[in-house]
Every structure is written in C-alpha cells, then in structure tokens.
C-alpha cells in the first residue's frame, strides 16, 4: 500500500473470500486492504462452504472489485470441487502479481 501511496496510485478494490480462519489475514469488513470480506464457513465445514460458494462469488462479482483473493481449501472430498470452481472462476483473469505490477508500471 505504501508504494501505491508514494506513486499516488489508487489502491485496488479487493475482496477476500476465506474459509473460517479469521486469523489468516485478521481481516474485517472495511479494513484498508479489503473492500469486502466473505467467510464461506465460519466452522470450516466443507459442505457449508460448497453451499455458500456460488452465491458468495456472485455477490463479490456484482461489486466489480479489481481483485478477488480466495483462500485455498484442502483438496479432498468436497474440497476438490470447491478448488475446481475457484480455478474456473479465475480462468482468463490476471494474477494479482501481474495486476499490481501493471498498476505500478503505468505511472512510471
């Protein structure tokens, strides 16, 4: 963020999709890093996460965020399907490193 401030670049609108680990980013709604924070399952239940996945992705997509960061789940059982859906949702999109690199280079 400091580099963006130094170069007078607007910080991107970022959404965080995570899986019941508030300690992961210590993120809360409205923090400077994230515009939206969504928990697929506070209890880390893969069934609950799978049920909430499509609605949560649609909700975040409607917000027209610049970046969506998603925590990976263990790829066993339903976790395989969840990770497959996240990969499909990310297909054709720019990786965060590339997005940030291009944002910084645009102003140089």
PDB file of N, CA and C in Angstrom:
ATOM      1  N   UNK A   1       0.809  -1.193   0.000  1.00  0.00           N
ATOM      2  CA  UNK A   1       0.000   0.000   0.000  1.00  0.00           C
ATOM      3  C   UNK A   1       0.858   1.265   0.000  1.00  0.00           C
ATOM      4  N   UNK A   2       1.969   1.221   0.721  1.00  0.00           N
ATOM      5  CA  UNK A   2       2.827   2.400   0.798  1.00  0.00           C
ATOM      6  C   UNK A   2       3.345   2.788  -0.577  1.00  0.00           C
ATOM      7  N   UNK A   3       3.744   1.797  -1.375  1.00  0.00           N
ATOM      8  CA  UNK A   3       4.232   2.077  -2.716  1.00  0.00           C
ATOM      9  C   UNK A   3       3.145   2.743  -3.551  1.00  0.00           C
ATOM     10  N   UNK A   4       1.921   2.267  -3.424  1.00  0.00           N
ATOM     11  CA  UNK A   4       0.806   2.872  -4.151  1.00  0.00           C
ATOM     12  C   UNK A   4       0.613   4.316  -3.709  1.00  0.00           C
ATOM     13  N   UNK A   5       0.697   4.570  -2.407  1.00  0.00           N
ATOM     14  CA  UNK A   5       0.543   5.932  -1.890  1.00  0.00           C
ATOM     15  C   UNK A   5       1.669   6.831  -2.388  1.00  0.00           C
ATOM     16  N   UNK A   6       2.891   6.318  -2.365  1.00  0.00           N
ATOM     17  CA  UNK A   6       4.033   7.112  -2.826  1.00  0.00           C
ATOM     18  C   UNK A   6       3.883   7.494  -4.291  1.00  0.00           C
ATOM     19  N   UNK A   7       3.366   6.588  -5.087  1.00  0.00           N
ATOM     20  CA  UNK A   7       3.216   6.841  -6.521  1.00  0.00           C
ATOM     21  C   UNK A   7       1.857   7.444  -6.867  1.00  0.00           C
ATOM     22  N   UNK A   8       1.073   7.739  -5.812  1.00  0.00           N
ATOM     23  CA  UNK A   8      -0.250   8.348  -5.980  1.00  0.00           C
ATOM     24  C   UNK A   8      -1.155   7.499  -6.888  1.00  0.00           C
ATOM     25  N   UNK A   9      -1.111   6.190  -6.638  1.00  0.00           N
ATOM     26  CA  UNK A   9      -1.947   5.245  -7.364  1.00  0.00           C
ATOM     27  C   UNK A   9      -3.091   4.840  -6.442  1.00  0.00           C
ATOM     28  N   UNK A  10      -4.271   4.772  -6.980  1.00  0.00           N
ATOM     29  CA  UNK A  10      -5.414   4.343  -6.183  1.00  0.00           C
ATOM     30  C   UNK A  10      -5.264   2.871  -5.829  1.00  0.00           C
ATOM     31  N   UNK A  11      -5.425   2.552  -4.531  1.00  0.00           N
ATOM     32  CA  UNK A  11      -5.359   1.166  -4.086  1.00  0.00           C
ATOM     33  C   UNK A  11      -6.542   0.417  -4.706  1.00  0.00           C
ATOM     34  N   UNK A  12      -6.299  -0.789  -5.247  1.00  0.00           N
ATOM     35  CA  UNK A  12      -7.388  -1.523  -5.900  1.00  0.00           C
ATOM     36  C   UNK A  12      -8.469  -1.950  -4.910  1.00  0.00           C
ATOM     37  N   UNK A  13      -9.661  -2.118  -5.441  1.00  0.00           N
ATOM     38  CA  UNK A  13     -10.779  -2.618  -4.634  1.00  0.00           C
ATOM     39  C   UNK A  13     -10.630  -4.138  -4.566  1.00  0.00           C
ATOM     40  N   UNK A  14     -10.377  -4.649  -3.358  1.00  0.00           N
ATOM     41  CA  UNK A  14     -10.068  -6.063  -3.176  1.00  0.00           C
ATOM     42  C   UNK A  14     -11.126  -6.729  -2.309  1.00  0.00           C
ATOM     43  N   UNK A  15     -11.538  -7.908  -2.750  1.00  0.00           N
ATOM     44  CA  UNK A  15     -12.427  -8.740  -1.952  1.00  0.00           C
ATOM     45  C   UNK A  15     -11.663  -9.953  -1.450  1.00  0.00           C
ATOM     46  N   UNK A  16     -11.997 -10.404  -0.253  1.00  0.00           N
ATOM     47  CA  UNK A  16     -11.358 -11.574   0.345  1.00  0.00           C
ATOM     48  C   UNK A  16     -12.412 -12.642   0.579  1.00  0.00           C
ATOM     49  N   UNK A  17     -12.168 -13.821   0.048  1.00  0.00           N
ATOM     50  CA  UNK A  17     -13.032 -14.977   0.222  1.00  0.00           C
ATOM     51  C   UNK A  17     -12.227 -15.989   1.024  1.00  0.00           C
ATOM     52  N   UNK A  18     -12.653 -16.273   2.258  1.00  0.00           N
ATOM     53  CA  UNK A  18     -11.856 -17.178   3.069  1.00  0.00           C
ATOM     54  C   UNK A  18     -12.720 -18.256   3.700  1.00  0.00           C
ATOM     55  N   UNK A  19     -12.067 -19.168   4.410  1.00  0.00           N
ATOM     56  CA  UNK A  19     -12.691 -20.396   4.860  1.00  0.00           C
ATOM     57  C   UNK A  19     -12.523 -20.559   6.369  1.00  0.00           C
ATOM     58  N   UNK A  20     -13.204 -19.726   7.136  1.00  0.00           N
ATOM     59  CA  UNK A  20     -13.276 -19.900   8.575  1.00  0.00           C
ATOM     60  C   UNK A  20     -12.012 -19.650   9.369  1.00  0.00           C
ATOM     61  N   UNK A  21     -11.077 -18.916   8.826  1.00  0.00           N
ATOM     62  CA  UNK A  21      -9.833 -18.649   9.567  1.00  0.00           C
ATOM     63  C   UNK A  21      -9.625 -17.153   9.695  1.00  0.00           C
ATOM     64  N   UNK A  22     -10.265 -16.550  10.672  1.00  0.00           N
ATOM     65  CA  UNK A  22     -10.131 -15.106  10.833  1.00  0.00           C
ATOM     66  C   UNK A  22      -8.694 -14.699  11.112  1.00  0.00           C
ATOM     67  N   UNK A  23      -7.919 -15.607  11.678  1.00  0.00           N
ATOM     68  CA  UNK A  23      -6.521 -15.291  11.959  1.00  0.00           C
ATOM     69  C   UNK A  23      -5.679 -15.243  10.693  1.00  0.00           C
ATOM     70  N   UNK A  24      -6.219 -15.769   9.591  1.00  0.00           N
ATOM     71  CA  UNK A  24      -5.453 -15.846   8.352  1.00  0.00           C
ATOM     72  C   UNK A  24      -4.966 -14.470   7.912  1.00  0.00           C
ATOM     73  N   UNK A  25      -5.850 -13.521   7.869  1.00  0.00           N
ATOM     74  CA  UNK A  25      -5.484 -12.162   7.461  1.00  0.00           C
ATOM     75  C   UNK A  25      -5.867 -11.130   8.511  1.00  0.00           C
ATOM     76  N   UNK A  26      -6.532 -11.576   9.573  1.00  0.00           N
ATOM     77  CA  UNK A  26      -7.074 -10.666  10.577  1.00  0.00           C
ATOM     78  C   UNK A  26      -7.864  -9.549   9.879  1.00  0.00           C
ATOM     79  N   UNK A  27      -8.632  -9.974   8.886  1.00  0.00           N
ATOM     80  CA  UNK A  27      -9.369  -9.020   8.071  1.00  0.00           C
ATOM     81  C   UNK A  27     -10.791  -8.858   8.583  1.00  0.00           C
ATOM     82  N   UNK A  28     -11.270  -7.656   8.521  1.00  0.00           N
ATOM     83  CA  UNK A  28     -12.649  -7.358   8.863  1.00  0.00           C
ATOM     84  C   UNK A  28     -13.211  -6.431   7.800  1.00  0.00           C
ATOM     85  N   UNK A  29     -14.516  -6.461   7.636  1.00  0.00           N
ATOM     86  CA  UNK A  29     -15.184  -5.601   6.662  1.00  0.00           C
ATOM     87  C   UNK A  29     -14.706  -4.157   6.835  1.00  0.00           C
ATOM     88  N   UNK A  30     -14.325  -3.531   5.738  1.00  0.00           N
ATOM     89  CA  UNK A  30     -13.965  -2.122   5.782  1.00  0.00           C
ATOM     90  C   UNK A  30     -12.517  -1.844   6.138  1.00  0.00           C
ATOM     91  N   UNK A  31     -11.690  -2.865   6.326  1.00  0.00           N
ATOM     92  CA  UNK A  31     -10.280  -2.595   6.591  1.00  0.00           C
ATOM     93  C   UNK A  31      -9.664  -1.978   5.347  1.00  0.00           C
ATOM     94  N   UNK A  32      -8.565  -1.266   5.479  1.00  0.00           N
ATOM     95  CA  UNK A  32      -7.972  -0.625   4.304  1.00  0.00           C
ATOM     96  C   UNK A  32      -7.602  -1.588   3.178  1.00  0.00           C
ATOM     97  N   UNK A  33      -7.219  -2.815   3.496  1.00  0.00           N
ATOM     98  CA  UNK A  33      -6.814  -3.745   2.451  1.00  0.00           C
ATOM     99  C   UNK A  33      -7.988  -4.305   1.657  1.00  0.00           C
ATOM    100  N   UNK A  34      -9.090  -4.580   2.314  1.00  0.00           N
ATOM    101  CA  UNK A  34     -10.199  -5.274   1.671  1.00  0.00           C
ATOM    102  C   UNK A  34     -11.479  -4.457   1.699  1.00  0.00           C
ATOM    103  N   UNK A  35     -12.118  -4.387   0.562  1.00  0.00           N
ATOM    104  CA  UNK A  35     -13.403  -3.706   0.498  1.00  0.00           C
ATOM    105  C   UNK A  35     -14.527  -4.611   0.989  1.00  0.00           C
ATOM    106  N   UNK A  36     -14.361  -5.906   0.758  1.00  0.00           N
ATOM    107  CA  UNK A  36     -15.357  -6.871   1.198  1.00  0.00           C
ATOM    108  C   UNK A  36     -14.654  -8.126   1.684  1.00  0.00           C
ATOM    109  N   UNK A  37     -15.143  -8.672   2.796  1.00  0.00           N
ATOM    110  CA  UNK A  37     -14.592  -9.890   3.370  1.00  0.00           C
ATOM    111  C   UNK A  37     -15.736 -10.882   3.543  1.00  0.00           C
ATOM    112  N   UNK A  38     -15.610 -12.053   2.913  1.00  0.00           N
ATOM    113  CA  UNK A  38     -16.664 -13.062   2.967  1.00  0.00           C
ATOM    114  C   UNK A  38     -16.088 -14.383   3.468  1.00  0.00           C
ATOM    115  N   UNK A  39     -16.758 -14.978   4.447  1.00  0.00           N
ATOM    116  CA  UNK A  39     -16.352 -16.254   5.027  1.00  0.00           C
ATOM    117  C   UNK A  39     -17.288 -17.338   4.501  1.00  0.00           C
ATOM    118  N   UNK A  40     -16.749 -18.308   3.782  1.00  0.00           N
ATOM    119  CA  UNK A  40     -17.575 -19.388   3.239  1.00  0.00           C
ATOM    120  C   UNK A  40     -18.146 -20.284   4.328  1.00  0.00           C
ATOM    121  N   UNK A  41     -17.415 -20.459   5.421  1.00  0.00           N
ATOM    122  CA  UNK A  41     -17.891 -21.307   6.507  1.00  0.00           C
ATOM    123  C   UNK A  41     -17.122 -20.993   7.784  1.00  0.00           C
ATOM    124  N   UNK A  42     -17.726 -20.261   8.709  1.00  0.00           N
ATOM    125  CA  UNK A  42     -17.038 -19.940   9.970  1.00  0.00           C
ATOM    126  C   UNK A  42     -16.562 -21.188  10.714  1.00  0.00           C
ATOM    127  N   UNK A  43     -17.306 -22.291  10.568  1.00  0.00           N
ATOM    128  CA  UNK A  43     -16.927 -23.523  11.246  1.00  0.00           C
ATOM    129  C   UNK A  43     -16.014 -24.420  10.431  1.00  0.00           C
ATOM    130  N   UNK A  44     -15.540 -23.946   9.294  1.00  0.00           N
ATOM    131  CA  UNK A  44     -14.658 -24.681   8.391  1.00  0.00           C
ATOM    132  C   UNK A  44     -15.288 -25.991   7.915  1.00  0.00           C
ATOM    133  N   UNK A  45     -16.585 -25.956   7.659  1.00  0.00           N
ATOM    134  CA  UNK A  45     -17.335 -27.108   7.175  1.00  0.00           C
ATOM    135  C   UNK A  45     -17.369 -27.061   5.643  1.00  0.00           C
ATOM    136  N   UNK A  46     -16.808 -28.073   4.986  1.00  0.00           N
ATOM    137  CA  UNK A  46     -16.746 -28.075   3.524  1.00  0.00           C
ATOM    138  C   UNK A  46     -18.132 -28.078   2.880  1.00  0.00           C
ATOM    139  N   UNK A  47     -19.109 -28.749   3.484  1.00  0.00           N
ATOM    140  CA  UNK A  47     -20.468 -28.744   2.919  1.00  0.00           C
ATOM    141  C   UNK A  47     -21.043 -27.337   2.933  1.00  0.00           C
ATOM    142  N   UNK A  48     -20.903 -26.660   4.066  1.00  0.00           N
ATOM    143  CA  UNK A  48     -21.397 -25.284   4.177  1.00  0.00           C
ATOM    144  C   UNK A  48     -20.673 -24.382   3.182  1.00  0.00           C
ATOM    145  N   UNK A  49     -19.361 -24.562   3.053  1.00  0.00           N
ATOM    146  CA  UNK A  49     -18.578 -23.753   2.118  1.00  0.00           C
ATOM    147  C   UNK A  49     -19.045 -23.980   0.685  1.00  0.00           C
ATOM    148  N   UNK A  50     -19.291 -25.241   0.326  1.00  0.00           N
ATOM    149  CA  UNK A  50     -19.753 -25.557  -1.032  1.00  0.00           C
ATOM    150  C   UNK A  50     -21.109 -24.926  -1.307  1.00  0.00           C
ATOM    151  N   UNK A  51     -22.010 -24.964  -0.321  1.00  0.00           N
ATOM    152  CA  UNK A  51     -23.336 -24.362  -0.476  1.00  0.00           C
ATOM    153  C   UNK A  51     -23.223 -22.851  -0.661  1.00  0.00           C
ATOM    154  N   UNK A  52     -22.321 -22.226   0.065  1.00  0.00           N
ATOM    155  CA  UNK A  52     -22.188 -20.759   0.035  1.00  0.00           C
ATOM    156  C   UNK A  52     -21.335 -20.241  -1.122  1.00  0.00           C
ATOM    157  N   UNK A  53     -20.575 -21.115  -1.769  1.00  0.00           N
ATOM    158  CA  UNK A  53     -19.590 -20.682  -2.751  1.00  0.00           C
ATOM    159  C   UNK A  53     -20.185 -19.880  -3.909  1.00  0.00           C
ATOM    160  N   UNK A  54     -21.183 -20.425  -4.603  1.00  0.00           N
ATOM    161  CA  UNK A  54     -21.713 -19.757  -5.796  1.00  0.00           C
ATOM    162  C   UNK A  54     -22.335 -18.400  -5.450  1.00  0.00           C
ATOM    163  N   UNK A  55     -23.134 -18.355  -4.398  1.00  0.00           N
ATOM    164  CA  UNK A  55     -23.765 -17.100  -4.001  1.00  0.00           C
ATOM    165  C   UNK A  55     -22.748 -16.047  -3.604  1.00  0.00           C
ATOM    166  N   UNK A  56     -21.707 -16.482  -2.915  1.00  0.00           N
ATOM    167  CA  UNK A  56     -20.672 -15.546  -2.472  1.00  0.00           C
ATOM    168  C   UNK A  56     -19.866 -15.018  -3.658  1.00  0.00           C
ATOM    169  N   UNK A  57     -19.527 -15.896  -4.587  1.00  0.00           N
ATOM    170  CA  UNK A  57     -18.805 -15.441  -5.787  1.00  0.00           C
ATOM    171  C   UNK A  57     -19.666 -14.459  -6.574  1.00  0.00           C
ATOM    172  N   UNK A  58     -20.965 -14.761  -6.723  1.00  0.00           N
ATOM    173  CA  UNK A  58     -21.866 -13.843  -7.446  1.00  0.00           C
ATOM    174  C   UNK A  58     -21.941 -12.491  -6.745  1.00  0.00           C
ATOM    175  N   UNK A  59     -22.057 -12.518  -5.410  1.00  0.00           N
ATOM    176  CA  UNK A  59     -22.128 -11.274  -4.634  1.00  0.00           C
ATOM    177  C   UNK A  59     -20.875 -10.425  -4.867  1.00  0.00           C
ATOM    178  N   UNK A  60     -19.703 -11.049  -4.774  1.00  0.00           N
ATOM    179  CA  UNK A  60     -18.456 -10.321  -4.962  1.00  0.00           C
ATOM    180  C   UNK A  60     -18.303  -9.845  -6.405  1.00  0.00           C
ATOM    181  N   UNK A  61     -18.748 -10.659  -7.350  1.00  0.00           N
ATOM    182  CA  UNK A  61     -18.663 -10.285  -8.756  1.00  0.00           C
ATOM    183  C   UNK A  61     -19.507  -9.041  -9.044  1.00  0.00           C
ATOM    184  N   UNK A  62     -20.663  -8.939  -8.425  1.00  0.00           N
ATOM    185  CA  UNK A  62     -21.543  -7.776  -8.630  1.00  0.00           C
ATOM    186  C   UNK A  62     -20.932  -6.490  -8.081  1.00  0.00           C
ATOM    187  N   UNK A  63     -19.964  -6.621  -7.177  1.00  0.00           N
ATOM    188  CA  UNK A  63     -19.320  -5.438  -6.599  1.00  0.00           C
ATOM    189  C   UNK A  63     -18.285  -4.831  -7.534  1.00  0.00           C
ATOM    190  N   UNK A  64     -17.999  -5.489  -8.651  1.00  0.00           N
ATOM    191  CA  UNK A  64     -16.997  -5.013  -9.618  1.00  0.00           C
ATOM    192  C   UNK A  64     -15.656  -4.705  -8.957  1.00  0.00           C
ATOM    193  N   UNK A  65     -15.188  -5.647  -8.154  1.00  0.00           N
ATOM    194  CA  UNK A  65     -13.897  -5.499  -7.496  1.00  0.00           C
ATOM    195  C   UNK A  65     -12.775  -5.621  -8.516  1.00  0.00           C
ATOM    196  N   UNK A  66     -11.644  -5.038  -8.203  1.00  0.00           N
ATOM    197  CA  UNK A  66     -10.477  -5.163  -9.079  1.00  0.00           C
ATOM    198  C   UNK A  66      -9.806  -6.518  -8.877  1.00  0.00           C
ATOM    199  N   UNK A  67      -9.803  -6.985  -7.634  1.00  0.00           N
ATOM    200  CA  UNK A  67      -9.108  -8.217  -7.280  1.00  0.00           C
ATOM    201  C   UNK A  67      -9.967  -9.012  -6.305  1.00  0.00           C
ATOM    202  N   UNK A  68      -9.985 -10.314  -6.495  1.00  0.00           N
ATOM    203  CA  UNK A  68     -10.623 -11.211  -5.537  1.00  0.00           C
ATOM    204  C   UNK A  68      -9.563 -12.200  -5.076  1.00  0.00           C
ATOM    205  N   UNK A  69      -9.302 -12.208  -3.791  1.00  0.00           N
ATOM    206  CA  UNK A  69      -8.339 -13.132  -3.197  1.00  0.00           C
ATOM    207  C   UNK A  69      -9.149 -14.224  -2.508  1.00  0.00           C
ATOM    208  N   UNK A  70      -8.849 -15.491  -2.834  1.00  0.00           N
ATOM    209  CA  UNK A  70      -9.563 -16.615  -2.244  1.00  0.00           C
ATOM    210  C   UNK A  70      -8.587 -17.543  -1.545  1.00  0.00           C
ATOM    211  N   UNK A  71      -8.923 -17.906  -0.327  1.00  0.00           N
ATOM    212  CA  UNK A  71      -8.120 -18.878   0.407  1.00  0.00           C
ATOM    213  C   UNK A  71      -8.374 -20.262  -0.170  1.00  0.00           C
ATOM    214  N   UNK A  72      -7.325 -21.021  -0.363  1.00  0.00           N
ATOM    215  CA  UNK A  72      -7.467 -22.400  -0.844  1.00  0.00           C
ATOM    216  C   UNK A  72      -7.970 -23.287   0.291  1.00  0.00           C
ATOM    217  N   UNK A  73      -8.718 -24.318  -0.088  1.00  0.00           N
ATOM    218  CA  UNK A  73      -9.135 -25.335   0.875  1.00  0.00           C
ATOM    219  C   UNK A  73      -8.401 -26.629   0.546  1.00  0.00           C
ATOM    220  N   UNK A  74      -8.360 -27.529   1.502  1.00  0.00           N
ATOM    221  CA  UNK A  74      -7.709 -28.813   1.307  1.00  0.00           C
ATOM    222  C   UNK A  74      -8.422 -29.573   0.195  1.00  0.00           C
ATOM    223  N   UNK A  75      -7.690 -30.042  -0.776  1.00  0.00           N
ATOM    224  CA  UNK A  75      -8.288 -30.713  -1.933  1.00  0.00           C
ATOM    225  C   UNK A  75      -8.528 -32.195  -1.654  1.00  0.00           C
ATOM    226  N   UNK A  76      -9.525 -32.425  -0.803  1.00  0.00           N
ATOM    227  CA  UNK A  76     -10.006 -33.767  -0.501  1.00  0.00           C
ATOM    228  C   UNK A  76     -11.524 -33.701  -0.442  1.00  0.00           C
ATOM    229  N   UNK A  77     -12.199 -34.699  -0.963  1.00  0.00           N
ATOM    230  CA  UNK A  77     -13.655 -34.721  -0.936  1.00  0.00           C
ATOM    231  C   UNK A  77     -14.238 -33.495  -1.620  1.00  0.00           C
ATOM    232  N   UNK A  78     -15.126 -32.791  -0.916  1.00  0.00           N
ATOM    233  CA  UNK A  78     -15.746 -31.578  -1.467  1.00  0.00           C
ATOM    234  C   UNK A  78     -14.735 -30.477  -1.754  1.00  0.00           C
ATOM    235  N   UNK A  79     -13.608 -30.520  -1.083  1.00  0.00           N
ATOM    236  CA  UNK A  79     -12.552 -29.533  -1.319  1.00  0.00           C
ATOM    237  C   UNK A  79     -12.061 -29.558  -2.755  1.00  0.00           C
ATOM    238  N   UNK A  80     -12.078 -30.726  -3.380  1.00  0.00           N
ATOM    239  CA  UNK A  80     -11.681 -30.836  -4.790  1.00  0.00           C
ATOM    240  C   UNK A  80     -12.635 -30.021  -5.653  1.00  0.00           C
ATOM    241  N   UNK A  81     -13.943 -30.163  -5.407  1.00  0.00           N
ATOM    242  CA  UNK A  81     -14.947 -29.433  -6.189  1.00  0.00           C
ATOM    243  C   UNK A  81     -14.859 -27.922  -5.939  1.00  0.00           C
ATOM    244  N   UNK A  82     -14.632 -27.537  -4.697  1.00  0.00           N
ATOM    245  CA  UNK A  82     -14.527 -26.112  -4.364  1.00  0.00           C
ATOM    246  C   UNK A  82     -13.330 -25.497  -5.082  1.00  0.00           C
ATOM    247  N   UNK A  83     -12.180 -26.158  -5.012  1.00  0.00           N
ATOM    248  CA  UNK A  83     -10.986 -25.630  -5.668  1.00  0.00           C
ATOM    249  C   UNK A  83     -11.144 -25.615  -7.188  1.00  0.00           C
ATOM    250  N   UNK A  84     -11.814 -26.619  -7.734  1.00  0.00           N
ATOM    251  CA  UNK A  84     -12.071 -26.640  -9.173  1.00  0.00           C
ATOM    252  C   UNK A  84     -12.908 -25.431  -9.573  1.00  0.00           C
ATOM    253  N   UNK A  85     -13.934 -25.126  -8.806  1.00  0.00           N
ATOM    254  CA  UNK A  85     -14.802 -23.974  -9.103  1.00  0.00           C
ATOM    255  C   UNK A  85     -14.034 -22.667  -8.980  1.00  0.00           C
ATOM    256  N   UNK A  86     -13.184 -22.548  -7.976  1.00  0.00           N
ATOM    257  CA  UNK A  86     -12.377 -21.327  -7.826  1.00  0.00           C
ATOM    258  C   UNK A  86     -11.418 -21.156  -9.000  1.00  0.00           C
ATOM    259  N   UNK A  87     -10.824 -22.261  -9.444  1.00  0.00           N
ATOM    260  CA  UNK A  87      -9.921 -22.177 -10.599  1.00  0.00           C
ATOM    261  C   UNK A  87     -10.681 -21.778 -11.863  1.00  0.00           C
ATOM    262  N   UNK A  88     -11.866 -22.337 -12.047  1.00  0.00           N
ATOM    263  CA  UNK A  88     -12.667 -21.970 -13.222  1.00  0.00           C
ATOM    264  C   UNK A  88     -13.078 -20.504 -13.161  1.00  0.00           C
ATOM    265  N   UNK A  89     -13.415 -20.024 -11.975  1.00  0.00           N
ATOM    266  CA  UNK A  89     -13.794 -18.617 -11.825  1.00  0.00           C
ATOM    267  C   UNK A  89     -12.610 -17.702 -12.128  1.00  0.00           C
ATOM    268  N   UNK A  90     -11.401 -18.176 -11.853  1.00  0.00           N
ATOM    269  CA  UNK A  90     -10.200 -17.363 -12.084  1.00  0.00           C
ATOM    270  C   UNK A  90      -9.685 -17.464 -13.512  1.00  0.00           C
ATOM    271  N   UNK A  91     -10.163 -18.427 -14.271  1.00  0.00           N
ATOM    272  CA  UNK A  91      -9.662 -18.637 -15.635  1.00  0.00           C
ATOM    273  C   UNK A  91      -9.836 -17.374 -16.476  1.00  0.00           C
ATOM    274  N   UNK A  92      -8.782 -17.005 -17.161  1.00  0.00           N
ATOM    275  CA  UNK A  92      -8.840 -15.838 -18.035  1.00  0.00           C
ATOM    276  C   UNK A  92      -8.626 -14.520 -17.322  1.00  0.00           C
ATOM    277  N   UNK A  93      -8.426 -14.563 -16.021  1.00  0.00           N
ATOM    278  CA  UNK A  93      -8.183 -13.337 -15.267  1.00  0.00           C
ATOM    279  C   UNK A  93      -6.696 -13.198 -14.977  1.00  0.00           C
ATOM    280  N   UNK A  94      -6.279 -12.004 -14.731  1.00  0.00           N
ATOM    281  CA  UNK A  94      -4.877 -11.704 -14.460  1.00  0.00           C
ATOM    282  C   UNK A  94      -4.543 -12.069 -13.017  1.00  0.00           C
ATOM    283  N   UNK A  95      -3.370 -12.660 -12.815  1.00  0.00           N
ATOM    284  CA  UNK A  95      -2.928 -12.952 -11.457  1.00  0.00           C
ATOM    285  C   UNK A  95      -2.632 -11.650 -10.729  1.00  0.00           C
ATOM    286  N   UNK A  96      -2.749 -11.675  -9.418  1.00  0.00           N
ATOM    287  CA  UNK A  96      -2.587 -10.459  -8.612  1.00  0.00           C
ATOM    288  C   UNK A  96      -1.207  -9.831  -8.818  1.00  0.00           C
ATOM    289  N   UNK A  97      -0.155 -10.660  -8.915  1.00  0.00           N
ATOM    290  CA  UNK A  97       1.192 -10.105  -9.135  1.00  0.00           C
ATOM    291  C   UNK A  97       1.236  -9.281 -10.420  1.00  0.00           C
ATOM    292  N   UNK A  98       0.634  -9.820 -11.470  1.00  0.00           N
ATOM    293  CA  UNK A  98       0.624  -9.144 -12.769  1.00  0.00           C
ATOM    294  C   UNK A  98      -0.198  -7.854 -12.690  1.00  0.00           C
ATOM    295  N   UNK A  99      -1.342  -7.909 -12.015  1.00  0.00           N
ATOM    296  CA  UNK A  99      -2.199  -6.732 -11.863  1.00  0.00           C
ATOM    297  C   UNK A  99      -1.445  -5.615 -11.150  1.00  0.00           C
ATOM    298  N   UNK A 100      -0.818  -5.944 -10.029  1.00  0.00           N
ATOM    299  CA  UNK A 100      -0.107  -4.924  -9.263  1.00  0.00           C
ATOM    300  C   UNK A 100       1.102  -4.401 -10.034  1.00  0.00           C
ATOM    301  N   UNK A 101       1.818  -5.294 -10.695  1.00  0.00           N
ATOM    302  CA  UNK A 101       2.979  -4.872 -11.487  1.00  0.00           C
ATOM    303  C   UNK A 101       2.550  -3.891 -12.574  1.00  0.00           C
ATOM    304  N   UNK A 102       1.482  -4.213 -13.276  1.00  0.00           N
ATOM    305  CA  UNK A 102       0.986  -3.324 -14.343  1.00  0.00           C
ATOM    306  C   UNK A 102       0.482  -2.000 -13.776  1.00  0.00           C
ATOM    307  N   UNK A 103      -0.136  -2.033 -12.605  1.00  0.00           N
ATOM    308  CA  UNK A 103      -0.628  -0.792 -11.985  1.00  0.00           C
ATOM    309  C   UNK A 103       0.533   0.132 -11.652  1.00  0.00           C
ATOM    310  N   UNK A 104       1.604  -0.429 -11.135  1.00  0.00           N
ATOM    311  CA  UNK A 104       2.769   0.382 -10.749  1.00  0.00           C
ATOM    312  C   UNK A 104       3.499   0.881 -11.985  1.00  0.00           C
ATOM    313  N   UNK A 105       3.644   0.041 -13.006  1.00  0.00           N
ATOM    314  CA  UNK A 105       4.366   0.443 -14.215  1.00  0.00           C
ATOM    315  C   UNK A 105       3.624   1.519 -15.006  1.00  0.00           C
ATOM    316  N   UNK A 106       2.302   1.546 -14.915  1.00  0.00           N
ATOM    317  CA  UNK A 106       1.521   2.538 -15.661  1.00  0.00           C
ATOM    318  C   UNK A 106       1.895   3.968 -15.314  1.00  0.00           C
ATOM    319  N   UNK A 107       2.316   4.192 -14.079  1.00  0.00           N
ATOM    320  CA  UNK A 107       2.611   5.566 -13.666  1.00  0.00           C
ATOM    321  C   UNK A 107       4.089   5.911 -13.743  1.00  0.00           C
ATOM    322  N   UNK A 108       4.926   4.950 -14.028  1.00  0.00           N
ATOM    323  CA  UNK A 108       6.366   5.246 -14.121  1.00  0.00           C
ATOM    324  C   UNK A 108       6.692   5.978 -15.394  1.00  0.00           C
TER     325      UNK A 108
END
